[in-house]
Every structure is written in C-alpha cells, then in structure tokens.
PDB file of N, CA and C in Angstrom:
ATOM      1  N   MET A   1     168.164 149.992  69.256  1.00  0.00           N
ATOM      2  CA  MET A   1     167.518 149.617  70.486  1.00  0.00           C
ATOM      3  C   MET A   1     166.120 149.041  70.223  1.00  0.00           C
ATOM      4  N   LEU A   2     165.351 149.703  69.352  1.00  0.00           N
ATOM      5  CA  LEU A   2     164.007 149.207  69.058  1.00  0.00           C
ATOM      6  C   LEU A   2     164.047 147.808  68.462  1.00  0.00           C
ATOM      7  N   GLU A   3     164.992 147.575  67.546  1.00  0.00           N
ATOM      8  CA  GLU A   3     165.078 146.263  66.912  1.00  0.00           C
ATOM      9  C   GLU A   3     165.397 145.176  67.932  1.00  0.00           C
ATOM     10  N   LYS A   4     166.168 145.515  68.953  1.00  0.00           N
ATOM     11  CA  LYS A   4     166.547 144.547  69.976  1.00  0.00           C
ATOM     12  C   LYS A   4     165.368 144.207  70.885  1.00  0.00           C
ATOM     13  N   LEU A   5     164.593 145.218  71.262  1.00  0.00           N
ATOM     14  CA  LEU A   5     163.472 145.012  72.180  1.00  0.00           C
ATOM     15  C   LEU A   5     162.191 144.582  71.485  1.00  0.00           C
ATOM     16  N   ASN A   6     162.078 144.845  70.187  1.00  0.00           N
ATOM     17  CA  ASN A   6     160.891 144.495  69.408  1.00  0.00           C
ATOM     18  C   ASN A   6     161.346 143.723  68.168  1.00  0.00           C
ATOM     19  N   PRO A   7     161.482 142.413  68.279  1.00  0.00           N
ATOM     20  CA  PRO A   7     162.013 141.616  67.162  1.00  0.00           C
ATOM     21  C   PRO A   7     161.251 141.865  65.858  1.00  0.00           C
ATOM     22  N   GLY A   8     162.006 142.008  64.791  1.00  0.00           N
ATOM     23  CA  GLY A   8     161.411 142.235  63.484  1.00  0.00           C
ATOM     24  C   GLY A   8     161.176 143.693  63.163  1.00  0.00           C
ATOM     25  N   THR A   9     161.402 144.581  64.116  1.00  0.00           N
ATOM     26  CA  THR A   9     161.217 146.007  63.882  1.00  0.00           C
ATOM     27  C   THR A   9     162.249 146.503  62.871  1.00  0.00           C
ATOM     28  N   VAL A  10     161.794 147.379  61.983  1.00  0.00           N
ATOM     29  CA  VAL A  10     162.682 147.943  60.966  1.00  0.00           C
ATOM     30  C   VAL A  10     162.777 149.450  61.197  1.00  0.00           C
ATOM     31  N   THR A  11     164.003 149.933  61.374  1.00  0.00           N
ATOM     32  CA  THR A  11     164.242 151.366  61.453  1.00  0.00           C
ATOM     33  C   THR A  11     165.315 151.718  60.434  1.00  0.00           C
ATOM     34  N   ARG A  12     165.104 152.832  59.755  1.00  0.00           N
ATOM     35  CA  ARG A  12     166.078 153.308  58.786  1.00  0.00           C
ATOM     36  C   ARG A  12     166.221 154.818  58.993  1.00  0.00           C
ATOM     37  N   ILE A  13     167.438 155.280  58.986  1.00  0.00           N
ATOM     38  CA  ILE A  13     167.706 156.710  59.065  1.00  0.00           C
ATOM     39  C   ILE A  13     168.649 157.057  57.928  1.00  0.00           C
ATOM     40  N   GLU A  14     168.326 158.132  57.238  1.00  0.00           N
ATOM     41  CA  GLU A  14     169.195 158.607  56.168  1.00  0.00           C
ATOM     42  C   GLU A  14     169.609 160.041  56.482  1.00  0.00           C
ATOM     43  N   VAL A  15     170.867 160.330  56.238  1.00  0.00           N
ATOM     44  CA  VAL A  15     171.396 161.674  56.444  1.00  0.00           C
ATOM     45  C   VAL A  15     171.948 162.193  55.119  1.00  0.00           C
ATOM     46  N   ASP A  16     172.116 163.507  55.055  1.00  0.00           N
ATOM     47  CA  ASP A  16     172.674 164.087  53.832  1.00  0.00           C
ATOM     48  C   ASP A  16     174.197 164.027  53.870  1.00  0.00           C
ATOM     49  N   GLY A  17     174.854 164.649  52.907  1.00  0.00           N
ATOM     50  CA  GLY A  17     176.308 164.611  52.793  1.00  0.00           C
ATOM     51  C   GLY A  17     177.046 165.238  53.961  1.00  0.00           C
ATOM     52  N   GLU A  18     176.348 166.068  54.743  1.00  0.00           N
ATOM     53  CA  GLU A  18     176.960 166.716  55.905  1.00  0.00           C
ATOM     54  C   GLU A  18     176.505 166.075  57.214  1.00  0.00           C
ATOM     55  N   SER A  19     175.996 164.841  57.126  1.00  0.00           N
ATOM     56  CA  SER A  19     175.532 164.079  58.296  1.00  0.00           C
ATOM     57  C   SER A  19     174.370 164.747  59.028  1.00  0.00           C
ATOM     58  N   ARG A  20     173.557 165.491  58.304  1.00  0.00           N
ATOM     59  CA  ARG A  20     172.349 166.077  58.884  1.00  0.00           C
ATOM     60  C   ARG A  20     171.163 165.182  58.558  1.00  0.00           C
ATOM     61  N   PHE A  21     170.227 165.118  59.495  1.00  0.00           N
ATOM     62  CA  PHE A  21     169.042 164.283  59.332  1.00  0.00           C
ATOM     63  C   PHE A  21     168.301 164.626  58.051  1.00  0.00           C
ATOM     64  N   LYS A  22     167.849 163.560  57.366  1.00  0.00           N
ATOM     65  CA  LYS A  22     167.054 163.739  56.154  1.00  0.00           C
ATOM     66  C   LYS A  22     165.754 162.945  56.246  1.00  0.00           C
ATOM     67  N   TYR A  23     165.856 161.610  56.478  1.00  0.00           N
ATOM     68  CA  TYR A  23     164.676 160.746  56.509  1.00  0.00           C
ATOM     69  C   TYR A  23     164.765 159.739  57.657  1.00  0.00           C
ATOM     70  N   LEU A  24     163.586 159.376  58.181  1.00  0.00           N
ATOM     71  CA  LEU A  24     163.466 158.310  59.179  1.00  0.00           C
ATOM     72  C   LEU A  24     162.315 157.406  58.769  1.00  0.00           C
ATOM     73  N   PHE A  25     162.488 156.095  58.917  1.00  0.00           N
ATOM     74  CA  PHE A  25     161.433 155.113  58.663  1.00  0.00           C
ATOM     75  C   PHE A  25     161.350 154.203  59.869  1.00  0.00           C
ATOM     76  N   LEU A  26     160.129 153.893  60.317  1.00  0.00           N
ATOM     77  CA  LEU A  26     159.922 153.018  61.461  1.00  0.00           C
ATOM     78  C   LEU A  26     158.714 152.118  61.223  1.00  0.00           C
ATOM     79  N   ALA A  27     158.919 150.815  61.369  1.00  0.00           N
ATOM     80  CA  ALA A  27     157.819 149.840  61.305  1.00  0.00           C
ATOM     81  C   ALA A  27     158.082 148.804  62.398  1.00  0.00           C
ATOM     82  N   PHE A  28     157.158 148.695  63.340  1.00  0.00           N
ATOM     83  CA  PHE A  28     157.315 147.737  64.432  1.00  0.00           C
ATOM     84  C   PHE A  28     157.124 146.312  63.927  1.00  0.00           C
ATOM     85  N   GLY A  29     157.919 145.397  64.462  1.00  0.00           N
ATOM     86  CA  GLY A  29     157.860 143.996  64.055  1.00  0.00           C
ATOM     87  C   GLY A  29     156.474 143.393  64.183  1.00  0.00           C
ATOM     88  N   VAL A  30     155.772 143.710  65.264  1.00  0.00           N
ATOM     89  CA  VAL A  30     154.436 143.157  65.465  1.00  0.00           C
ATOM     90  C   VAL A  30     153.480 143.638  64.371  1.00  0.00           C
ATOM     91  N   ALA A  31     153.626 144.877  63.919  1.00  0.00           N
ATOM     92  CA  ALA A  31     152.774 145.392  62.844  1.00  0.00           C
ATOM     93  C   ALA A  31     153.102 144.720  61.522  1.00  0.00           C
ATOM     94  N   ILE A  32     154.391 144.493  61.288  1.00  0.00           N
ATOM     95  CA  ILE A  32     154.812 143.822  60.062  1.00  0.00           C
ATOM     96  C   ILE A  32     154.246 142.405  60.012  1.00  0.00           C
ATOM     97  N   ARG A  33     154.376 141.676  61.118  1.00  0.00           N
ATOM     98  CA  ARG A  33     153.860 140.297  61.158  1.00  0.00           C
ATOM     99  C   ARG A  33     152.341 140.272  61.043  1.00  0.00           C
ATOM    100  N   GLY A  34     151.667 141.208  61.668  1.00  0.00           N
ATOM    101  CA  GLY A  34     150.209 141.252  61.638  1.00  0.00           C
ATOM    102  C   GLY A  34     149.636 141.593  60.284  1.00  0.00           C
ATOM    103  N   PHE A  35     150.415 142.300  59.447  1.00  0.00           N
ATOM    104  CA  PHE A  35     149.916 142.688  58.129  1.00  0.00           C
ATOM    105  C   PHE A  35     149.583 141.482  57.261  1.00  0.00           C
ATOM    106  N   ARG A  36     150.199 140.356  57.550  1.00  0.00           N
ATOM    107  CA  ARG A  36     149.890 139.137  56.780  1.00  0.00           C
ATOM    108  C   ARG A  36     148.404 138.781  56.851  1.00  0.00           C
ATOM    109  N   TYR A  37     147.729 139.213  57.923  1.00  0.00           N
ATOM    110  CA  TYR A  37     146.325 138.855  58.148  1.00  0.00           C
ATOM    111  C   TYR A  37     145.361 139.995  57.820  1.00  0.00           C
ATOM    112  N   MET A  38     145.868 141.069  57.269  1.00  0.00           N
ATOM    113  CA  MET A  38     145.037 142.229  56.939  1.00  0.00           C
ATOM    114  C   MET A  38     144.645 142.202  55.471  1.00  0.00           C
ATOM    115  N   ARG A  39     143.621 142.986  55.165  1.00  0.00           N
ATOM    116  CA  ARG A  39     143.317 143.225  53.755  1.00  0.00           C
ATOM    117  C   ARG A  39     144.514 143.949  53.158  1.00  0.00           C
ATOM    118  N   LYS A  40     144.840 143.659  51.935  1.00  0.00           N
ATOM    119  CA  LYS A  40     146.023 144.239  51.309  1.00  0.00           C
ATOM    120  C   LYS A  40     145.714 145.607  50.699  1.00  0.00           C
ATOM    121  N   VAL A  41     145.113 146.451  51.511  1.00  0.00           N
ATOM    122  CA  VAL A  41     144.812 147.826  51.135  1.00  0.00           C
ATOM    123  C   VAL A  41     145.540 148.723  52.129  1.00  0.00           C
ATOM    124  N   VAL A  42     146.419 149.574  51.625  1.00  0.00           N
ATOM    125  CA  VAL A  42     147.237 150.419  52.481  1.00  0.00           C
ATOM    126  C   VAL A  42     146.955 151.877  52.156  1.00  0.00           C
ATOM    127  N   GLY A  43     146.621 152.624  53.173  1.00  0.00           N
ATOM    128  CA  GLY A  43     146.431 154.066  53.032  1.00  0.00           C
ATOM    129  C   GLY A  43     147.706 154.785  53.403  1.00  0.00           C
ATOM    130  N   ILE A  44     148.106 155.751  52.592  1.00  0.00           N
ATOM    131  CA  ILE A  44     149.311 156.522  52.882  1.00  0.00           C
ATOM    132  C   ILE A  44     148.978 158.009  52.834  1.00  0.00           C
ATOM    133  N   ASP A  45     149.594 158.755  53.741  1.00  0.00           N
ATOM    134  CA  ASP A  45     149.367 160.194  53.763  1.00  0.00           C
ATOM    135  C   ASP A  45     150.480 160.858  54.562  1.00  0.00           C
ATOM    136  N   GLY A  46     150.542 162.156  54.482  1.00  0.00           N
ATOM    137  CA  GLY A  46     151.529 162.927  55.206  1.00  0.00           C
ATOM    138  C   GLY A  46     150.895 164.140  55.847  1.00  0.00           C
ATOM    139  N   THR A  47     151.492 164.612  56.928  1.00  0.00           N
ATOM    140  CA  THR A  47     151.036 165.828  57.586  1.00  0.00           C
ATOM    141  C   THR A  47     152.247 166.618  58.060  1.00  0.00           C
ATOM    142  N   PHE A  48     152.115 167.917  58.034  1.00  0.00           N
ATOM    143  CA  PHE A  48     153.234 168.777  58.403  1.00  0.00           C
ATOM    144  C   PHE A  48     153.441 168.786  59.907  1.00  0.00           C
ATOM    145  N   LEU A  49     154.704 168.780  60.317  1.00  0.00           N
ATOM    146  CA  LEU A  49     155.077 168.923  61.719  1.00  0.00           C
ATOM    147  C   LEU A  49     155.378 170.391  61.975  1.00  0.00           C
ATOM    148  N   LYS A  50     154.873 170.885  63.080  1.00  0.00           N
ATOM    149  CA  LYS A  50     155.097 172.285  63.424  1.00  0.00           C
ATOM    150  C   LYS A  50     155.671 172.355  64.831  1.00  0.00           C
ATOM    151  N   GLY A  51     156.313 173.425  65.124  1.00  0.00           N
ATOM    152  CA  GLY A  51     156.928 173.579  66.433  1.00  0.00           C
ATOM    153  C   GLY A  51     158.423 173.747  66.274  1.00  0.00           C
ATOM    154  N   GLN A  52     159.167 173.245  67.246  1.00  0.00           N
ATOM    155  CA  GLN A  52     160.616 173.401  67.222  1.00  0.00           C
ATOM    156  C   GLN A  52     161.247 172.669  66.042  1.00  0.00           C
ATOM    157  N   TYR A  53     160.727 171.489  65.719  1.00  0.00           N
ATOM    158  CA  TYR A  53     161.284 170.686  64.632  1.00  0.00           C
ATOM    159  C   TYR A  53     160.291 170.612  63.487  1.00  0.00           C
ATOM    160  N   TRP A  54     160.686 171.087  62.342  1.00  0.00           N
ATOM    161  CA  TRP A  54     159.832 171.093  61.166  1.00  0.00           C
ATOM    162  C   TRP A  54     160.081 169.836  60.346  1.00  0.00           C
ATOM    163  N   GLY A  55     159.153 169.508  59.503  1.00  0.00           N
ATOM    164  CA  GLY A  55     159.267 168.363  58.628  1.00  0.00           C
ATOM    165  C   GLY A  55     157.886 167.849  58.289  1.00  0.00           C
ATOM    166  N   VAL A  56     157.828 166.615  57.843  1.00  0.00           N
ATOM    167  CA  VAL A  56     156.559 165.993  57.475  1.00  0.00           C
ATOM    168  C   VAL A  56     156.524 164.587  58.055  1.00  0.00           C
ATOM    169  N   LEU A  57     155.410 164.240  58.670  1.00  0.00           N
ATOM    170  CA  LEU A  57     155.175 162.895  59.180  1.00  0.00           C
ATOM    171  C   LEU A  57     154.428 162.113  58.111  1.00  0.00           C
ATOM    172  N   LEU A  58     155.007 161.010  57.647  1.00  0.00           N
ATOM    173  CA  LEU A  58     154.353 160.137  56.674  1.00  0.00           C
ATOM    174  C   LEU A  58     153.853 158.906  57.401  1.00  0.00           C
ATOM    175  N   VAL A  59     152.689 158.403  56.997  1.00  0.00           N
ATOM    176  CA  VAL A  59     152.072 157.269  57.672  1.00  0.00           C
ATOM    177  C   VAL A  59     151.521 156.287  56.646  1.00  0.00           C
ATOM    178  N   ALA A  60     151.666 154.994  56.958  1.00  0.00           N
ATOM    179  CA  ALA A  60     151.038 153.930  56.161  1.00  0.00           C
ATOM    180  C   ALA A  60     150.177 153.107  57.109  1.00  0.00           C
ATOM    181  N   THR A  61     148.898 152.946  56.768  1.00  0.00           N
ATOM    182  CA  THR A  61     147.977 152.181  57.605  1.00  0.00           C
ATOM    183  C   THR A  61     147.199 151.178  56.763  1.00  0.00           C
ATOM    184  N   ALA A  62     146.739 150.138  57.436  1.00  0.00           N
ATOM    185  CA  ALA A  62     145.847 149.153  56.812  1.00  0.00           C
ATOM    186  C   ALA A  62     144.555 149.152  57.625  1.00  0.00           C
ATOM    187  N   GLN A  63     143.701 148.174  57.363  1.00  0.00           N
ATOM    188  CA  GLN A  63     142.456 148.047  58.112  1.00  0.00           C
ATOM    189  C   GLN A  63     142.353 146.617  58.616  1.00  0.00           C
ATOM    190  N   ASP A  64     142.070 146.477  59.921  1.00  0.00           N
ATOM    191  CA  ASP A  64     141.963 145.128  60.480  1.00  0.00           C
ATOM    192  C   ASP A  64     140.570 144.548  60.241  1.00  0.00           C
ATOM    193  N   GLY A  65     140.348 143.341  60.717  1.00  0.00           N
ATOM    194  CA  GLY A  65     139.080 142.646  60.500  1.00  0.00           C
ATOM    195  C   GLY A  65     137.885 143.322  61.146  1.00  0.00           C
ATOM    196  N   ASN A  66     138.125 144.192  62.122  1.00  0.00           N
ATOM    197  CA  ASN A  66     137.045 144.932  62.778  1.00  0.00           C
ATOM    198  C   ASN A  66     136.831 146.309  62.163  1.00  0.00           C
ATOM    199  N   GLY A  67     137.498 146.573  61.042  1.00  0.00           N
ATOM    200  CA  GLY A  67     137.342 147.855  60.376  1.00  0.00           C
ATOM    201  C   GLY A  67     138.110 148.982  61.046  1.00  0.00           C
ATOM    202  N   GLN A  68     139.032 148.651  61.931  1.00  0.00           N
ATOM    203  CA  GLN A  68     139.818 149.661  62.638  1.00  0.00           C
ATOM    204  C   GLN A  68     141.138 149.927  61.911  1.00  0.00           C
ATOM    205  N   CYS A  69     141.682 151.117  62.110  1.00  0.00           N
ATOM    206  CA  CYS A  69     142.980 151.451  61.522  1.00  0.00           C
ATOM    207  C   CYS A  69     144.067 150.583  62.129  1.00  0.00           C
ATOM    208  N   TYR A  70     144.940 150.093  61.284  1.00  0.00           N
ATOM    209  CA  TYR A  70     146.058 149.249  61.700  1.00  0.00           C
ATOM    210  C   TYR A  70     147.341 149.922  61.244  1.00  0.00           C
ATOM    211  N   PRO A  71     148.074 150.567  62.163  1.00  0.00           N
ATOM    212  CA  PRO A  71     149.286 151.282  61.753  1.00  0.00           C
ATOM    213  C   PRO A  71     150.373 150.331  61.285  1.00  0.00           C
ATOM    214  N   LEU A  72     150.950 150.629  60.140  1.00  0.00           N
ATOM    215  CA  LEU A  72     152.024 149.805  59.579  1.00  0.00           C
ATOM    216  C   LEU A  72     153.389 150.448  59.734  1.00  0.00           C
ATOM    217  N   ALA A  73     153.500 151.709  59.323  1.00  0.00           N
ATOM    218  CA  ALA A  73     154.812 152.350  59.321  1.00  0.00           C
ATOM    219  C   ALA A  73     154.653 153.858  59.424  1.00  0.00           C
ATOM    220  N   TRP A  74     155.726 154.469  59.934  1.00  0.00           N
ATOM    221  CA  TRP A  74     155.794 155.913  60.054  1.00  0.00           C
ATOM    222  C   TRP A  74     157.103 156.385  59.455  1.00  0.00           C
ATOM    223  N   GLY A  75     157.087 157.601  58.982  1.00  0.00           N
ATOM    224  CA  GLY A  75     158.314 158.205  58.492  1.00  0.00           C
ATOM    225  C   GLY A  75     158.324 159.677  58.830  1.00  0.00           C
ATOM    226  N   ILE A  76     159.499 160.199  59.000  1.00  0.00           N
ATOM    227  CA  ILE A  76     159.670 161.640  59.146  1.00  0.00           C
ATOM    228  C   ILE A  76     160.648 162.050  58.061  1.00  0.00           C
ATOM    229  N   VAL A  77     160.238 163.023  57.274  1.00  0.00           N
ATOM    230  CA  VAL A  77     161.056 163.478  56.148  1.00  0.00           C
ATOM    231  C   VAL A  77     161.161 164.999  56.176  1.00  0.00           C
ATOM    232  N   ASP A  78     162.095 165.521  55.392  1.00  0.00           N
ATOM    233  CA  ASP A  78     162.310 166.964  55.385  1.00  0.00           C
ATOM    234  C   ASP A  78     161.169 167.729  54.726  1.00  0.00           C
ATOM    235  N   SER A  79     160.596 167.174  53.672  1.00  0.00           N
ATOM    236  CA  SER A  79     159.454 167.808  53.015  1.00  0.00           C
ATOM    237  C   SER A  79     158.676 166.750  52.239  1.00  0.00           C
ATOM    238  N   GLU A  80     157.431 167.075  51.936  1.00  0.00           N
ATOM    239  CA  GLU A  80     156.582 166.131  51.202  1.00  0.00           C
ATOM    240  C   GLU A  80     156.823 166.340  49.710  1.00  0.00           C
ATOM    241  N   ASN A  81     157.799 165.597  49.185  1.00  0.00           N
ATOM    242  CA  ASN A  81     158.140 165.704  47.776  1.00  0.00           C
ATOM    243  C   ASN A  81     158.342 164.298  47.200  1.00  0.00           C
ATOM    244  N   GLU A  82     158.593 164.239  45.910  1.00  0.00           N
ATOM    245  CA  GLU A  82     158.715 162.938  45.244  1.00  0.00           C
ATOM    246  C   GLU A  82     159.871 162.102  45.802  1.00  0.00           C
ATOM    247  N   ASP A  83     161.009 162.723  46.080  1.00  0.00           N
ATOM    248  CA  ASP A  83     162.153 161.986  46.618  1.00  0.00           C
ATOM    249  C   ASP A  83     161.834 161.377  47.981  1.00  0.00           C
ATOM    250  N   ALA A  84     161.192 162.156  48.847  1.00  0.00           N
ATOM    251  CA  ALA A  84     160.854 161.667  50.183  1.00  0.00           C
ATOM    252  C   ALA A  84     159.846 160.524  50.098  1.00  0.00           C
ATOM    253  N   TRP A  85     158.815 160.678  49.278  1.00  0.00           N
ATOM    254  CA  TRP A  85     157.819 159.616  49.140  1.00  0.00           C
ATOM    255  C   TRP A  85     158.426 158.371  48.506  1.00  0.00           C
ATOM    256  N   THR A  86     159.306 158.545  47.537  1.00  0.00           N
ATOM    257  CA  THR A  86     159.961 157.393  46.912  1.00  0.00           C
ATOM    258  C   THR A  86     160.785 156.641  47.943  1.00  0.00           C
ATOM    259  N   TRP A  87     161.523 157.361  48.767  1.00  0.00           N
ATOM    260  CA  TRP A  87     162.327 156.719  49.812  1.00  0.00           C
ATOM    261  C   TRP A  87     161.428 155.979  50.804  1.00  0.00           C
ATOM    262  N   PHE A  88     160.364 156.641  51.273  1.00  0.00           N
ATOM    263  CA  PHE A  88     159.452 156.028  52.240  1.00  0.00           C
ATOM    264  C   PHE A  88     158.791 154.781  51.654  1.00  0.00           C
ATOM    265  N   LEU A  89     158.285 154.874  50.434  1.00  0.00           N
ATOM    266  CA  LEU A  89     157.603 153.735  49.821  1.00  0.00           C
ATOM    267  C   LEU A  89     158.561 152.590  49.507  1.00  0.00           C
ATOM    268  N   THR A  90     159.806 152.908  49.217  1.00  0.00           N
ATOM    269  CA  THR A  90     160.808 151.855  49.010  1.00  0.00           C
ATOM    270  C   THR A  90     161.021 151.073  50.302  1.00  0.00           C
ATOM    271  N   GLN A  91     161.105 151.787  51.418  1.00  0.00           N
ATOM    272  CA  GLN A  91     161.250 151.120  52.726  1.00  0.00           C
ATOM    273  C   GLN A  91     160.001 150.294  53.046  1.00  0.00           C
ATOM    274  N   LEU A  92     158.833 150.867  52.758  1.00  0.00           N
ATOM    275  CA  LEU A  92     157.573 150.165  53.021  1.00  0.00           C
ATOM    276  C   LEU A  92     157.486 148.892  52.190  1.00  0.00           C
ATOM    277  N   LYS A  93     157.875 148.965  50.933  1.00  0.00           N
ATOM    278  CA  LYS A  93     157.828 147.789  50.054  1.00  0.00           C
ATOM    279  C   LYS A  93     158.734 146.681  50.581  1.00  0.00           C
ATOM    280  N   GLU A  94     159.888 147.038  51.121  1.00  0.00           N
ATOM    281  CA  GLU A  94     160.771 146.030  51.707  1.00  0.00           C
ATOM    282  C   GLU A  94     160.123 145.346  52.899  1.00  0.00           C
ATOM    283  N   VAL A  95     159.268 146.068  53.610  1.00  0.00           N
ATOM    284  CA  VAL A  95     158.635 145.543  54.818  1.00  0.00           C
ATOM    285  C   VAL A  95     157.402 144.696  54.504  1.00  0.00           C
ATOM    286  N   ILE A  96     156.530 145.171  53.611  1.00  0.00           N
ATOM    287  CA  ILE A  96     155.263 144.459  53.359  1.00  0.00           C
ATOM    288  C   ILE A  96     155.252 143.692  52.048  1.00  0.00           C
ATOM    289  N   GLY A  97     156.234 143.938  51.185  1.00  0.00           N
ATOM    290  CA  GLY A  97     156.264 143.251  49.903  1.00  0.00           C
ATOM    291  C   GLY A  97     155.340 143.889  48.890  1.00  0.00           C
ATOM    292  N   ASP A  98     155.257 143.246  47.749  1.00  0.00           N
ATOM    293  CA  ASP A  98     154.411 143.736  46.655  1.00  0.00           C
ATOM    294  C   ASP A  98     153.729 142.534  46.022  1.00  0.00           C
ATOM    295  N   THR A  99     152.417 142.513  46.086  1.00  0.00           N
ATOM    296  CA  THR A  99     151.653 141.431  45.483  1.00  0.00           C
ATOM    297  C   THR A  99     150.598 142.019  44.556  1.00  0.00           C
ATOM    298  N   ASP A 100     149.988 141.158  43.755  1.00  0.00           N
ATOM    299  CA  ASP A 100     148.913 141.613  42.872  1.00  0.00           C
ATOM    300  C   ASP A 100     147.710 142.116  43.658  1.00  0.00           C
ATOM    301  N   GLU A 101     147.541 141.646  44.891  1.00  0.00           N
ATOM    302  CA  GLU A 101     146.392 142.037  45.712  1.00  0.00           C
ATOM    303  C   GLU A 101     146.579 143.391  46.385  1.00  0.00           C
ATOM    304  N   LEU A 102     147.800 143.917  46.415  1.00  0.00           N
ATOM    305  CA  LEU A 102     148.098 145.148  47.138  1.00  0.00           C
ATOM    306  C   LEU A 102     147.508 146.363  46.423  1.00  0.00           C
ATOM    307  N   ALA A 103     146.796 147.184  47.192  1.00  0.00           N
ATOM    308  CA  ALA A 103     146.249 148.444  46.682  1.00  0.00           C
ATOM    309  C   ALA A 103     146.685 149.561  47.612  1.00  0.00           C
ATOM    310  N   LEU A 104     147.091 150.674  47.033  1.00  0.00           N
ATOM    311  CA  LEU A 104     147.497 151.840  47.804  1.00  0.00           C
ATOM    312  C   LEU A 104     146.469 152.943  47.619  1.00  0.00           C
ATOM    313  N   ILE A 105     146.098 153.575  48.718  1.00  0.00           N
ATOM    314  CA  ILE A 105     145.131 154.672  48.691  1.00  0.00           C
ATOM    315  C   ILE A 105     145.838 155.930  49.185  1.00  0.00           C
ATOM    316  N   SER A 106     145.650 157.027  48.465  1.00  0.00           N
ATOM    317  CA  SER A 106     146.262 158.289  48.875  1.00  0.00           C
ATOM    318  C   SER A 106     145.354 159.438  48.466  1.00  0.00           C
ATOM    319  N   ASP A 107     145.811 160.655  48.762  1.00  0.00           N
ATOM    320  CA  ASP A 107     145.056 161.831  48.351  1.00  0.00           C
ATOM    321  C   ASP A 107     145.419 162.275  46.930  1.00  0.00           C
ATOM    322  N   ARG A 108     146.179 161.451  46.229  1.00  0.00           N
ATOM    323  CA  ARG A 108     146.559 161.659  44.834  1.00  0.00           C
ATOM    324  C   ARG A 108     147.420 162.896  44.627  1.00  0.00           C
ATOM    325  N   ALA A 109     148.190 163.260  45.637  1.00  0.00           N
ATOM    326  CA  ALA A 109     149.148 164.353  45.454  1.00  0.00           C
ATOM    327  C   ALA A 109     150.122 163.943  44.349  1.00  0.00           C
ATOM    328  N   PRO A 110     150.526 164.873  43.502  1.00  0.00           N
ATOM    329  CA  PRO A 110     151.427 164.519  42.385  1.00  0.00           C
ATOM    330  C   PRO A 110     152.692 163.791  42.839  1.00  0.00           C
ATOM    331  N   SER A 111     153.263 164.198  43.973  1.00  0.00           N
ATOM    332  CA  SER A 111     154.493 163.552  44.446  1.00  0.00           C
ATOM    333  C   SER A 111     154.238 162.096  44.839  1.00  0.00           C
ATOM    334  N   ILE A 112     153.071 161.809  45.407  1.00  0.00           N
ATOM    335  CA  ILE A 112     152.734 160.434  45.791  1.00  0.00           C
ATOM    336  C   ILE A 112     152.499 159.586  44.543  1.00  0.00           C
ATOM    337  N   LYS A 113     151.774 160.128  43.585  1.00  0.00           N
ATOM    338  CA  LYS A 113     151.497 159.382  42.353  1.00  0.00           C
ATOM    339  C   LYS A 113     152.787 158.990  41.648  1.00  0.00           C
ATOM    340  N   LYS A 114     153.728 159.921  41.547  1.00  0.00           N
ATOM    341  CA  LYS A 114     155.003 159.631  40.881  1.00  0.00           C
ATOM    342  C   LYS A 114     155.792 158.589  41.656  1.00  0.00           C
ATOM    343  N   ALA A 115     155.805 158.724  42.988  1.00  0.00           N
ATOM    344  CA  ALA A 115     156.566 157.775  43.817  1.00  0.00           C
ATOM    345  C   ALA A 115     155.978 156.370  43.728  1.00  0.00           C
ATOM    346  N   ILE A 116     154.666 156.259  43.732  1.00  0.00           N
ATOM    347  CA  ILE A 116     154.025 154.946  43.620  1.00  0.00           C
ATOM    348  C   ILE A 116     154.385 154.296  42.287  1.00  0.00           C
ATOM    349  N   SER A 117     154.330 155.074  41.210  1.00  0.00           N
ATOM    350  CA  SER A 117     154.643 154.494  39.904  1.00  0.00           C
ATOM    351  C   SER A 117     156.113 154.098  39.816  1.00  0.00           C
ATOM    352  N   THR A 118     156.977 154.775  40.545  1.00  0.00           N
ATOM    353  CA  THR A 118     158.397 154.438  40.553  1.00  0.00           C
ATOM    354  C   THR A 118     158.674 153.166  41.364  1.00  0.00           C
ATOM    355  N   VAL A 119     158.065 153.075  42.550  1.00  0.00           N
ATOM    356  CA  VAL A 119     158.384 151.975  43.478  1.00  0.00           C
ATOM    357  C   VAL A 119     157.570 150.719  43.197  1.00  0.00           C
ATOM    358  N   PHE A 120     156.273 150.892  42.907  1.00  0.00           N
ATOM    359  CA  PHE A 120     155.414 149.731  42.721  1.00  0.00           C
ATOM    360  C   PHE A 120     155.080 149.566  41.252  1.00  0.00           C
TER     361      PHE A 120
END
C-alpha cells in the first residue's frame, strides 16, 4: 500500500521459517529521492522498543542543508545484533547506494562495526 501511494517507497519484511516476524525495513520514496541533495554522511543507531511489542527500532538519518535531521530509513528488528544490522544496512545500501563520498556514523557498537565492514 505504501509503495502505491508513495512512489519509490521501499518496504521489506522478513519472516523466520515459521512465518513469524523477524525484520522490517521502510524508506519513503521522497526521502530516497531527496538524499541525492544531502551530504553523504549517514547516522545510524538503534533503540529498544518497550511495551506490548518488544524489539529494536533502527534508524538511518542524514543532514539537510539547514543542518536539520533528514530521516532516510527505519527498521524494526528482533534484537540489535550483527545479523539484524547486516540485514538493515543491506537494505539501506540498495536504497542509497555506495559511493566513495559516503560516510557512516554510529556509536561504534561491535555489531554495527561488523555489519558495516560486511555490507560496505
């Protein structure tokens, strides 16, 4: 539905062998198109979800010309581990590409460092 109403939007859902939710990736088409005009510096981080549904929210942001946060993509994963970050960054790379100018900023968690070296 999102892809139909928001051209260029990318959504990916992955389930495990028993058809249970594992990963979600979402990047709106307008954000993808707008990234062409942003500095090629992307910040990535995750935060725990609490409440009825547990998991981790992963986020990728850039910075616009006014120094404001520019959201690129979101993900929901089962836990913040190397497999989840590798999956998220693989989806992100398909959306924004990989150039020599691209820089990724993170909190240097071991799982993020390993995933970055694997994907980029």
